Amino acid sequence: MESGQNRASWYVGEVITYFIHSYKGSSKFFALISIVESSTLDEYGGPSVTLFSENSPQKNYMVCGVEDIINIVGFVSR
């Protein structure tokens, strides 16, 4: 990819908490997200995720604006 080009990408993660940040009279809503280790879609388009273990040194977090969250999906553990 050449310098200056934008590329569409996304992250799959578990929302830890939502919070508000206020600065100079403006407020923004954010989410703290724990990024999953891996994610795939099955043949029906259903997501499957693998979470990092609780003590994993590779566990990653990100903060994003709530307006950037595309979908919120609920999972049932089995």
C-alpha atoms as a PDB file:
ATOM      1  CA  MET A   1       0.000   0.000   0.000  1.00  0.00           C
ATOM      2  CA  GLU A   2       1.341   3.421  -0.910  1.00  0.00           C
ATOM      3  CA  SER A   3       1.877   6.113   1.675  1.00  0.00           C
ATOM      4  CA  GLY A   4      -1.162   8.310   2.301  1.00  0.00           C
ATOM      5  CA  GLN A   5      -3.737   5.720   1.225  1.00  0.00           C
ATOM      6  CA  ASN A   6      -6.516   4.710   3.582  1.00  0.00           C
ATOM      7  CA  ARG A   7      -7.380   1.081   4.114  1.00  0.00           C
ATOM      8  CA  ALA A   8     -10.595  -0.286   5.568  1.00  0.00           C
ATOM      9  CA  SER A   9     -10.034  -2.527   8.570  1.00  0.00           C
ATOM     10  CA  TRP A  10     -11.940  -3.606  11.643  1.00  0.00           C
ATOM     11  CA  TYR A  11     -11.391  -5.112  15.048  1.00  0.00           C
ATOM     12  CA  VAL A  12     -13.464  -7.661  16.912  1.00  0.00           C
ATOM     13  CA  GLY A  13     -13.517  -7.310  20.657  1.00  0.00           C
ATOM     14  CA  GLU A  14     -15.339  -7.384  23.954  1.00  0.00           C
ATOM     15  CA  VAL A  15     -16.483  -4.041  25.373  1.00  0.00           C
ATOM     16  CA  ILE A  16     -15.072  -3.624  28.880  1.00  0.00           C
ATOM     17  CA  THR A  17     -16.730  -0.290  29.648  1.00  0.00           C
ATOM     18  CA  TYR A  18     -18.135   2.863  28.096  1.00  0.00           C
ATOM     19  CA  PHE A  19     -17.047   6.319  29.236  1.00  0.00           C
ATOM     20  CA  ILE A  20     -17.421  10.024  28.463  1.00  0.00           C
ATOM     21  CA  HIS A  21     -14.472  12.348  27.848  1.00  0.00           C
ATOM     22  CA  SER A  22     -15.079  16.098  28.112  1.00  0.00           C
ATOM     23  CA  TYR A  23     -12.624  18.668  26.764  1.00  0.00           C
ATOM     24  CA  LYS A  24     -13.138  22.400  26.255  1.00  0.00           C
ATOM     25  CA  GLY A  25     -16.914  22.115  26.569  1.00  0.00           C
ATOM     26  CA  SER A  26     -17.223  19.206  24.149  1.00  0.00           C
ATOM     27  CA  SER A  27     -18.089  15.670  25.268  1.00  0.00           C
ATOM     28  CA  LYS A  28     -17.398  12.439  23.379  1.00  0.00           C
ATOM     29  CA  PHE A  29     -18.523   8.892  24.151  1.00  0.00           C
ATOM     30  CA  PHE A  30     -15.880   6.155  24.014  1.00  0.00           C
ATOM     31  CA  ALA A  31     -15.576   2.411  24.618  1.00  0.00           C
ATOM     32  CA  LEU A  32     -12.640   0.482  26.092  1.00  0.00           C
ATOM     33  CA  ILE A  33     -12.413  -2.786  24.165  1.00  0.00           C
ATOM     34  CA  SER A  34     -10.446  -5.989  24.738  1.00  0.00           C
ATOM     35  CA  ILE A  35      -9.438  -7.272  21.285  1.00  0.00           C
ATOM     36  CA  VAL A  36     -10.116 -10.985  20.667  1.00  0.00           C
ATOM     37  CA  GLU A  37      -7.321 -13.402  19.747  1.00  0.00           C
ATOM     38  CA  SER A  38      -9.058 -14.530  16.547  1.00  0.00           C
ATOM     39  CA  SER A  39     -12.421 -14.329  14.825  1.00  0.00           C
ATOM     40  CA  THR A  40     -14.087 -16.072  11.895  1.00  0.00           C
ATOM     41  CA  LEU A  41     -17.489 -16.339  10.237  1.00  0.00           C
ATOM     42  CA  ASP A  42     -19.181 -19.687   9.686  1.00  0.00           C
ATOM     43  CA  GLU A  43     -20.948 -20.653   6.451  1.00  0.00           C
ATOM     44  CA  TYR A  44     -24.110 -18.840   7.635  1.00  0.00           C
ATOM     45  CA  GLY A  45     -22.294 -15.617   8.510  1.00  0.00           C
ATOM     46  CA  GLY A  46     -22.372 -16.297  12.250  1.00  0.00           C
ATOM     47  CA  PRO A  47     -19.307 -15.050  14.118  1.00  0.00           C
ATOM     48  CA  SER A  48     -17.019 -17.273  16.173  1.00  0.00           C
ATOM     49  CA  VAL A  49     -14.368 -15.730  18.425  1.00  0.00           C
ATOM     50  CA  THR A  50     -11.464 -16.932  20.547  1.00  0.00           C
ATOM     51  CA  LEU A  51     -10.662 -14.762  23.550  1.00  0.00           C
ATOM     52  CA  PHE A  52      -7.154 -14.375  24.960  1.00  0.00           C
ATOM     53  CA  SER A  53      -6.620 -16.105  28.299  1.00  0.00           C
ATOM     54  CA  GLU A  54      -6.891 -13.794  31.322  1.00  0.00           C
ATOM     55  CA  ASN A  55      -3.102 -13.797  31.945  1.00  0.00           C
ATOM     56  CA  SER A  56      -1.981 -13.646  28.306  1.00  0.00           C
ATOM     57  CA  PRO A  57       0.909 -11.205  27.709  1.00  0.00           C
ATOM     58  CA  GLN A  58      -0.420 -10.717  24.157  1.00  0.00           C
ATOM     59  CA  LYS A  59      -3.800  -9.365  25.269  1.00  0.00           C
ATOM     60  CA  ASN A  60      -4.528  -6.039  23.532  1.00  0.00           C
ATOM     61  CA  TYR A  61      -6.911  -3.199  24.279  1.00  0.00           C
ATOM     62  CA  MET A  62      -8.160  -0.260  22.270  1.00  0.00           C
ATOM     63  CA  VAL A  63     -10.282   2.828  22.817  1.00  0.00           C
ATOM     64  CA  CYS A  64     -12.676   3.873  20.080  1.00  0.00           C
ATOM     65  CA  GLY A  65     -15.509   6.317  19.666  1.00  0.00           C
ATOM     66  CA  VAL A  66     -18.899   4.648  20.095  1.00  0.00           C
ATOM     67  CA  GLU A  67     -19.943   6.023  16.696  1.00  0.00           C
ATOM     68  CA  ASP A  68     -17.285   3.728  15.170  1.00  0.00           C
ATOM     69  CA  ILE A  69     -18.876   0.563  16.605  1.00  0.00           C
ATOM     70  CA  ILE A  70     -20.644  -1.127  13.693  1.00  0.00           C
ATOM     71  CA  ASN A  71     -22.419  -4.025  15.423  1.00  0.00           C
ATOM     72  CA  ILE A  72     -22.910  -5.273  18.943  1.00  0.00           C
ATOM     73  CA  VAL A  73     -23.434  -9.028  19.160  1.00  0.00           C
ATOM     74  CA  GLY A  74     -24.328 -11.125  22.175  1.00  0.00           C
ATOM     75  CA  PHE A  75     -22.700 -14.528  22.594  1.00  0.00           C
ATOM     76  CA  VAL A  76     -23.700 -17.538  24.649  1.00  0.00           C
ATOM     77  CA  SER A  77     -20.819 -19.610  26.001  1.00  0.00           C
ATOM     78  CA  ARG A  78     -21.091 -23.340  25.675  1.00  0.00           C
END
